[in-house]
Amino acid sequence: MAVHVQAITKLYGDDDLEDKVLMCPQSFNMLPNKLNELVKKKAPVNPPGMLHNSKLYGVVTVEVCVDSKGKVFAVKAVDGHPMARASVIDSIKNWSFIPYRDKGKPVPVHGLIDVNYDFRSDVNK
């Protein structure tokens, strides 16, 4: 059992996510993109006003903590275009996951997820 404590950014109640750090409680460290297999519901990645109809598209990699009920409680963008990171983080806040189980008991998990975004006007119509 790989138990890992990871520092990542606090989600709720903060406008400046990059300045606040929360320790992810004892949780399973998922392999990169394995957390994708537990996604139950995704929210769309919406561009901020200034990027609406832009030519910006790509991938943002985020580190996500999910509690034992499948709710995202912490996230931090670790790679990707700086102007797209906030939109991806806002989207991830509304995702839900199938609770990960260890020996039949739901447990918290964390890991990396690659999230695609596309703010081009011809794609979003």
C-alpha atoms as a PDB file:
ATOM      1  CA  MET A   1       0.000   0.000   0.000  1.00  0.00           C
ATOM      2  CA  ALA A   2       1.543   3.264  -1.120  1.00  0.00           C
ATOM      3  CA  VAL A   3       0.444   5.920   1.365  1.00  0.00           C
ATOM      4  CA  HIS A   4       1.630   9.388   0.580  1.00  0.00           C
ATOM      5  CA  VAL A   5       1.165  12.865   2.018  1.00  0.00           C
ATOM      6  CA  GLN A   6       1.202  15.554  -0.674  1.00  0.00           C
ATOM      7  CA  ALA A   7       1.154  19.354  -0.422  1.00  0.00           C
ATOM      8  CA  ILE A   8      -1.315  20.841  -2.876  1.00  0.00           C
ATOM      9  CA  THR A   9      -3.374  23.976  -3.185  1.00  0.00           C
ATOM     10  CA  LYS A  10      -6.520  24.537  -1.137  1.00  0.00           C
ATOM     11  CA  LEU A  11      -9.741  24.806  -3.159  1.00  0.00           C
ATOM     12  CA  TYR A  12     -12.615  26.286  -1.285  1.00  0.00           C
ATOM     13  CA  GLY A  13     -12.843  29.760   0.225  1.00  0.00           C
ATOM     14  CA  ASP A  14      -9.773  31.201  -1.491  1.00  0.00           C
ATOM     15  CA  ASP A  15      -9.583  33.432  -4.536  1.00  0.00           C
ATOM     16  CA  ASP A  16      -5.805  33.103  -4.784  1.00  0.00           C
ATOM     17  CA  LEU A  17      -5.414  29.330  -5.019  1.00  0.00           C
ATOM     18  CA  GLU A  18      -1.689  29.352  -5.682  1.00  0.00           C
ATOM     19  CA  ASP A  19      -0.837  30.988  -2.319  1.00  0.00           C
ATOM     20  CA  LYS A  20      -2.660  28.572   0.001  1.00  0.00           C
ATOM     21  CA  VAL A  21      -1.311  25.082   0.619  1.00  0.00           C
ATOM     22  CA  LEU A  22      -3.167  22.175   2.181  1.00  0.00           C
ATOM     23  CA  MET A  23      -1.661  18.856   3.158  1.00  0.00           C
ATOM     24  CA  CYS A  24      -3.530  16.023   1.521  1.00  0.00           C
ATOM     25  CA  PRO A  25      -4.364  13.637   4.369  1.00  0.00           C
ATOM     26  CA  GLN A  26      -3.117  10.072   4.357  1.00  0.00           C
ATOM     27  CA  SER A  27      -4.222   8.885   0.965  1.00  0.00           C
ATOM     28  CA  PHE A  28      -3.375   6.493  -1.811  1.00  0.00           C
ATOM     29  CA  ASN A  29      -1.034   7.946  -4.407  1.00  0.00           C
ATOM     30  CA  MET A  30      -2.494   6.961  -7.783  1.00  0.00           C
ATOM     31  CA  LEU A  31      -0.253   6.508 -10.816  1.00  0.00           C
ATOM     32  CA  PRO A  32      -0.429   9.390 -13.330  1.00  0.00           C
ATOM     33  CA  ASN A  33      -3.829   9.467 -15.058  1.00  0.00           C
ATOM     34  CA  LYS A  34      -5.084   6.360 -13.175  1.00  0.00           C
ATOM     35  CA  LEU A  35      -7.420   8.689 -11.283  1.00  0.00           C
ATOM     36  CA  ASN A  36      -9.189   9.186 -14.645  1.00  0.00           C
ATOM     37  CA  GLU A  37     -10.597   5.684 -14.268  1.00  0.00           C
ATOM     38  CA  LEU A  38     -12.559   6.824 -11.202  1.00  0.00           C
ATOM     39  CA  VAL A  39     -14.146   9.915 -12.790  1.00  0.00           C
ATOM     40  CA  LYS A  40     -17.903   9.752 -12.357  1.00  0.00           C
ATOM     41  CA  LYS A  41     -18.905  13.216 -13.600  1.00  0.00           C
ATOM     42  CA  LYS A  42     -16.923  15.902 -15.425  1.00  0.00           C
ATOM     43  CA  ALA A  43     -17.724  19.596 -15.723  1.00  0.00           C
ATOM     44  CA  PRO A  44     -16.851  21.519 -18.901  1.00  0.00           C
ATOM     45  CA  VAL A  45     -13.742  23.670 -19.053  1.00  0.00           C
ATOM     46  CA  ASN A  46     -15.049  27.153 -19.811  1.00  0.00           C
ATOM     47  CA  PRO A  47     -12.683  29.891 -20.973  1.00  0.00           C
ATOM     48  CA  PRO A  48     -12.465  33.133 -19.024  1.00  0.00           C
ATOM     49  CA  GLY A  49     -13.967  36.128 -20.851  1.00  0.00           C
ATOM     50  CA  MET A  50     -10.669  37.374 -22.238  1.00  0.00           C
ATOM     51  CA  LEU A  51      -9.880  33.955 -23.738  1.00  0.00           C
ATOM     52  CA  HIS A  52     -13.309  33.249 -25.197  1.00  0.00           C
ATOM     53  CA  ASN A  53     -12.933  32.668 -28.955  1.00  0.00           C
ATOM     54  CA  SER A  54      -9.143  32.622 -28.678  1.00  0.00           C
ATOM     55  CA  LYS A  55      -6.831  30.195 -30.433  1.00  0.00           C
ATOM     56  CA  LEU A  56      -5.723  28.651 -27.159  1.00  0.00           C
ATOM     57  CA  TYR A  57      -5.993  24.893 -26.697  1.00  0.00           C
ATOM     58  CA  GLY A  58      -3.929  22.152 -25.112  1.00  0.00           C
ATOM     59  CA  VAL A  59      -3.540  20.189 -21.887  1.00  0.00           C
ATOM     60  CA  VAL A  60      -3.244  21.246 -18.256  1.00  0.00           C
ATOM     61  CA  THR A  61      -1.922  18.673 -15.791  1.00  0.00           C
ATOM     62  CA  VAL A  62      -3.473  18.946 -12.353  1.00  0.00           C
ATOM     63  CA  GLU A  63      -2.792  17.235  -9.069  1.00  0.00           C
ATOM     64  CA  VAL A  64      -6.089  16.333  -7.391  1.00  0.00           C
ATOM     65  CA  CYS A  65      -7.071  15.118  -3.911  1.00  0.00           C
ATOM     66  CA  VAL A  66     -10.349  13.205  -3.699  1.00  0.00           C
ATOM     67  CA  ASP A  67     -11.939  12.310  -0.363  1.00  0.00           C
ATOM     68  CA  SER A  68     -13.403   8.922   0.550  1.00  0.00           C
ATOM     69  CA  LYS A  69     -16.826  10.040  -0.747  1.00  0.00           C
ATOM     70  CA  GLY A  70     -15.506  10.908  -4.220  1.00  0.00           C
ATOM     71  CA  LYS A  71     -15.523  14.692  -3.732  1.00  0.00           C
ATOM     72  CA  VAL A  72     -12.606  16.849  -4.885  1.00  0.00           C
ATOM     73  CA  PHE A  73     -11.283  18.820  -1.948  1.00  0.00           C
ATOM     74  CA  ALA A  74      -7.935  20.089  -3.243  1.00  0.00           C
ATOM     75  CA  VAL A  75      -6.320  20.699  -6.617  1.00  0.00           C
ATOM     76  CA  LYS A  76      -3.265  22.355  -8.095  1.00  0.00           C
ATOM     77  CA  ALA A  77      -2.255  22.889 -11.704  1.00  0.00           C
ATOM     78  CA  VAL A  78       1.278  21.584 -12.151  1.00  0.00           C
ATOM     79  CA  ASP A  79       1.766  22.025 -15.903  1.00  0.00           C
ATOM     80  CA  GLY A  80       0.082  23.699 -18.846  1.00  0.00           C
ATOM     81  CA  HIS A  81      -0.567  27.170 -20.238  1.00  0.00           C
ATOM     82  CA  PRO A  82      -0.765  29.674 -17.350  1.00  0.00           C
ATOM     83  CA  MET A  83      -3.833  31.378 -18.835  1.00  0.00           C
ATOM     84  CA  ALA A  84      -5.786  28.099 -18.985  1.00  0.00           C
ATOM     85  CA  ARG A  85      -4.935  26.795 -15.522  1.00  0.00           C
ATOM     86  CA  ALA A  86      -7.645  28.683 -13.585  1.00  0.00           C
ATOM     87  CA  SER A  87     -10.384  27.488 -15.969  1.00  0.00           C
ATOM     88  CA  VAL A  88      -9.253  23.880 -15.612  1.00  0.00           C
ATOM     89  CA  ILE A  89      -9.088  24.191 -11.801  1.00  0.00           C
ATOM     90  CA  ASP A  90     -12.624  25.652 -11.751  1.00  0.00           C
ATOM     91  CA  SER A  91     -13.823  22.710 -13.832  1.00  0.00           C
ATOM     92  CA  ILE A  92     -12.125  20.092 -11.632  1.00  0.00           C
ATOM     93  CA  LYS A  93     -13.802  21.549  -8.522  1.00  0.00           C
ATOM     94  CA  ASN A  94     -17.103  20.307  -9.952  1.00  0.00           C
ATOM     95  CA  TRP A  95     -15.980  16.820 -10.929  1.00  0.00           C
ATOM     96  CA  SER A  96     -17.017  13.817  -8.883  1.00  0.00           C
ATOM     97  CA  PHE A  97     -15.304  10.472  -8.576  1.00  0.00           C
ATOM     98  CA  ILE A  98     -16.223   6.912  -7.742  1.00  0.00           C
ATOM     99  CA  PRO A  99     -14.757   6.372  -4.263  1.00  0.00           C
ATOM    100  CA  TYR A 100     -11.548   4.324  -4.345  1.00  0.00           C
ATOM    101  CA  ARG A 101     -11.755   1.258  -2.120  1.00  0.00           C
ATOM    102  CA  ASP A 102      -9.029  -0.485  -0.174  1.00  0.00           C
ATOM    103  CA  LYS A 103     -10.138  -3.804   1.288  1.00  0.00           C
ATOM    104  CA  GLY A 104     -13.743  -2.784   0.675  1.00  0.00           C
ATOM    105  CA  LYS A 105     -13.454   0.513   2.542  1.00  0.00           C
ATOM    106  CA  PRO A 106     -13.582   3.901   0.718  1.00  0.00           C
ATOM    107  CA  VAL A 107     -10.322   5.828   1.162  1.00  0.00           C
ATOM    108  CA  PRO A 108      -8.971   9.209  -0.001  1.00  0.00           C
ATOM    109  CA  VAL A 109      -6.758   9.254  -3.097  1.00  0.00           C
ATOM    110  CA  HIS A 110      -4.662  11.737  -4.986  1.00  0.00           C
ATOM    111  CA  GLY A 111      -2.932  11.794  -8.318  1.00  0.00           C
ATOM    112  CA  LEU A 112      -2.246  13.588 -11.570  1.00  0.00           C
ATOM    113  CA  ILE A 113      -4.820  14.095 -14.326  1.00  0.00           C
ATOM    114  CA  ASP A 114      -4.291  15.575 -17.785  1.00  0.00           C
ATOM    115  CA  VAL A 115      -7.232  17.808 -18.730  1.00  0.00           C
ATOM    116  CA  ASN A 116      -7.772  18.895 -22.337  1.00  0.00           C
ATOM    117  CA  TYR A 117      -9.099  22.377 -23.018  1.00  0.00           C
ATOM    118  CA  ASP A 118     -10.022  24.110 -26.261  1.00  0.00           C
ATOM    119  CA  PHE A 119     -11.024  27.799 -26.305  1.00  0.00           C
ATOM    120  CA  ARG A 120     -11.127  28.142 -30.109  1.00  0.00           C
ATOM    121  CA  SER A 121     -14.425  29.580 -31.313  1.00  0.00           C
ATOM    122  CA  ASP A 122     -14.943  27.094 -34.160  1.00  0.00           C
ATOM    123  CA  VAL A 123     -14.714  24.155 -31.737  1.00  0.00           C
ATOM    124  CA  ASN A 124     -16.996  25.617 -29.047  1.00  0.00           C
ATOM    125  CA  LYS A 125     -19.964  26.323 -31.334  1.00  0.00           C
END
